[in-house]
Amino acid sequence: MYRAALLLVGLSACTPVPVSPERAAEICEDKARAAQGPTGSVTVGTNSRTGGFGGVEIGVTSDFLAGRDPLEVYAQCIFDRTGAAPIRPPVLR
């Protein structure tokens, strides 16, 4: 009985929590944008305590490396989160 309860709890922990179609679109648009190419930022500045400082950040997703179409990434992400097709096309900038 105890093992069955643990198995049930373990399986429920793997089940994604459903989100609204609009929230799924927002989340999946970010994922699709990341599939378009590398992302990054550069920080340069100065202050009175440490003097000058700087940093570089570069991000690359596995979807980009695999050459997946960002629209395909978006549609699959929406389906995974809602179980339905997208309600609108993605806004990719």
C-alpha atoms as a PDB file:
ATOM      1  CA  MET A   1       0.000   0.000   0.000  1.00  0.00           C
ATOM      2  CA  TYR A   2       2.819   2.377   0.934  1.00  0.00           C
ATOM      3  CA  ARG A   3       4.686   1.636  -2.327  1.00  0.00           C
ATOM      4  CA  ALA A   4       1.550   2.241  -4.378  1.00  0.00           C
ATOM      5  CA  ALA A   5       1.090   5.616  -2.683  1.00  0.00           C
ATOM      6  CA  LEU A   6       4.713   6.563  -3.391  1.00  0.00           C
ATOM      7  CA  LEU A   7       4.349   5.538  -7.022  1.00  0.00           C
ATOM      8  CA  LEU A   8       1.186   7.605  -7.365  1.00  0.00           C
ATOM      9  CA  VAL A   9       2.850  10.645  -5.787  1.00  0.00           C
ATOM     10  CA  GLY A  10       5.907  10.169  -8.008  1.00  0.00           C
ATOM     11  CA  LEU A  11       3.809   9.991 -11.158  1.00  0.00           C
ATOM     12  CA  SER A  12       1.757  13.030 -10.253  1.00  0.00           C
ATOM     13  CA  ALA A  13       4.947  15.027  -9.707  1.00  0.00           C
ATOM     14  CA  CYS A  14       5.908  14.411 -13.354  1.00  0.00           C
ATOM     15  CA  THR A  15       2.584  15.599 -14.730  1.00  0.00           C
ATOM     16  CA  PRO A  16       2.834  19.218 -15.920  1.00  0.00           C
ATOM     17  CA  VAL A  17       0.429  21.690 -14.373  1.00  0.00           C
ATOM     18  CA  PRO A  18      -1.940  22.961 -17.074  1.00  0.00           C
ATOM     19  CA  VAL A  19      -1.726  26.667 -17.852  1.00  0.00           C
ATOM     20  CA  SER A  20      -4.068  28.996 -19.694  1.00  0.00           C
ATOM     21  CA  PRO A  21      -3.619  29.184 -23.475  1.00  0.00           C
ATOM     22  CA  GLU A  22      -2.534  32.825 -23.216  1.00  0.00           C
ATOM     23  CA  ARG A  23       0.104  32.080 -20.541  1.00  0.00           C
ATOM     24  CA  ALA A  24       1.333  29.103 -22.573  1.00  0.00           C
ATOM     25  CA  ALA A  25       1.697  31.414 -25.600  1.00  0.00           C
ATOM     26  CA  GLU A  26       3.866  33.815 -23.570  1.00  0.00           C
ATOM     27  CA  ILE A  27       6.088  31.024 -22.237  1.00  0.00           C
ATOM     28  CA  CYS A  28       6.405  29.325 -25.609  1.00  0.00           C
ATOM     29  CA  GLU A  29       7.155  32.555 -27.474  1.00  0.00           C
ATOM     30  CA  ASP A  30      10.243  32.949 -25.296  1.00  0.00           C
ATOM     31  CA  LYS A  31      11.265  29.389 -26.094  1.00  0.00           C
ATOM     32  CA  ALA A  32      10.715  29.946 -29.837  1.00  0.00           C
ATOM     33  CA  ARG A  33      12.716  33.212 -29.757  1.00  0.00           C
ATOM     34  CA  ALA A  34      15.604  31.332 -28.158  1.00  0.00           C
ATOM     35  CA  ALA A  35      15.431  28.783 -31.002  1.00  0.00           C
ATOM     36  CA  GLN A  36      16.036  31.585 -33.537  1.00  0.00           C
ATOM     37  CA  GLY A  37      19.659  32.072 -32.547  1.00  0.00           C
ATOM     38  CA  PRO A  38      22.106  32.777 -29.760  1.00  0.00           C
ATOM     39  CA  THR A  39      21.085  35.298 -27.136  1.00  0.00           C
ATOM     40  CA  GLY A  40      23.362  37.461 -25.071  1.00  0.00           C
ATOM     41  CA  SER A  41      24.198  40.635 -23.291  1.00  0.00           C
ATOM     42  CA  VAL A  42      27.240  42.764 -22.477  1.00  0.00           C
ATOM     43  CA  THR A  43      27.587  44.717 -19.247  1.00  0.00           C
ATOM     44  CA  VAL A  44      30.144  47.477 -18.790  1.00  0.00           C
ATOM     45  CA  GLY A  45      30.256  49.977 -15.993  1.00  0.00           C
ATOM     46  CA  THR A  46      32.147  51.686 -13.242  1.00  0.00           C
ATOM     47  CA  ASN A  47      31.527  52.535  -9.614  1.00  0.00           C
ATOM     48  CA  SER A  48      33.394  54.145  -6.740  1.00  0.00           C
ATOM     49  CA  ARG A  49      34.083  50.910  -4.825  1.00  0.00           C
ATOM     50  CA  THR A  50      35.494  48.513  -7.403  1.00  0.00           C
ATOM     51  CA  GLY A  51      36.320  50.760 -10.319  1.00  0.00           C
ATOM     52  CA  GLY A  52      35.516  49.314 -13.698  1.00  0.00           C
ATOM     53  CA  PHE A  53      33.627  46.086 -14.270  1.00  0.00           C
ATOM     54  CA  GLY A  54      32.215  44.166 -17.164  1.00  0.00           C
ATOM     55  CA  GLY A  55      30.637  40.925 -18.184  1.00  0.00           C
ATOM     56  CA  VAL A  56      29.439  38.974 -21.181  1.00  0.00           C
ATOM     57  CA  GLU A  57      26.619  36.439 -21.252  1.00  0.00           C
ATOM     58  CA  ILE A  58      25.821  34.194 -24.213  1.00  0.00           C
ATOM     59  CA  GLY A  59      23.003  31.655 -24.360  1.00  0.00           C
ATOM     60  CA  VAL A  60      22.423  28.916 -26.907  1.00  0.00           C
ATOM     61  CA  THR A  61      19.503  26.477 -26.733  1.00  0.00           C
ATOM     62  CA  SER A  62      19.443  22.863 -27.813  1.00  0.00           C
ATOM     63  CA  ASP A  63      16.584  23.744 -30.203  1.00  0.00           C
ATOM     64  CA  PHE A  64      18.866  26.219 -31.997  1.00  0.00           C
ATOM     65  CA  LEU A  65      21.758  23.747 -32.100  1.00  0.00           C
ATOM     66  CA  ALA A  66      19.446  21.065 -33.519  1.00  0.00           C
ATOM     67  CA  GLY A  67      18.245  23.489 -36.220  1.00  0.00           C
ATOM     68  CA  ARG A  68      14.582  23.262 -35.174  1.00  0.00           C
ATOM     69  CA  ASP A  69      12.154  25.693 -36.760  1.00  0.00           C
ATOM     70  CA  PRO A  70      11.071  28.286 -34.132  1.00  0.00           C
ATOM     71  CA  LEU A  71       7.428  27.966 -35.274  1.00  0.00           C
ATOM     72  CA  GLU A  72       7.616  24.207 -34.740  1.00  0.00           C
ATOM     73  CA  VAL A  73       9.170  24.751 -31.300  1.00  0.00           C
ATOM     74  CA  TYR A  74       6.298  27.121 -30.444  1.00  0.00           C
ATOM     75  CA  ALA A  75       3.546  24.771 -31.622  1.00  0.00           C
ATOM     76  CA  GLN A  76       5.020  21.752 -29.810  1.00  0.00           C
ATOM     77  CA  CYS A  77       5.513  23.757 -26.616  1.00  0.00           C
ATOM     78  CA  ILE A  78       1.874  24.940 -26.690  1.00  0.00           C
ATOM     79  CA  PHE A  79       0.645  21.393 -27.246  1.00  0.00           C
ATOM     80  CA  ASP A  80       2.829  20.049 -24.416  1.00  0.00           C
ATOM     81  CA  ARG A  81       1.448  22.644 -21.984  1.00  0.00           C
ATOM     82  CA  THR A  82      -2.219  22.770 -22.991  1.00  0.00           C
ATOM     83  CA  GLY A  83      -2.917  19.632 -25.005  1.00  0.00           C
ATOM     84  CA  ALA A  84      -4.292  21.786 -27.814  1.00  0.00           C
ATOM     85  CA  ALA A  85      -3.113  23.715 -30.853  1.00  0.00           C
ATOM     86  CA  PRO A  86      -1.934  27.336 -30.448  1.00  0.00           C
ATOM     87  CA  ILE A  87      -4.680  29.963 -30.131  1.00  0.00           C
ATOM     88  CA  ARG A  88      -2.602  32.522 -32.019  1.00  0.00           C
ATOM     89  CA  PRO A  89       0.610  32.762 -34.011  1.00  0.00           C
ATOM     90  CA  PRO A  90       3.747  33.639 -32.046  1.00  0.00           C
ATOM     91  CA  VAL A  91       5.164  37.132 -31.894  1.00  0.00           C
ATOM     92  CA  LEU A  92       8.854  36.591 -32.611  1.00  0.00           C
ATOM     93  CA  ARG A  93      11.044  39.685 -32.597  1.00  0.00           C
END
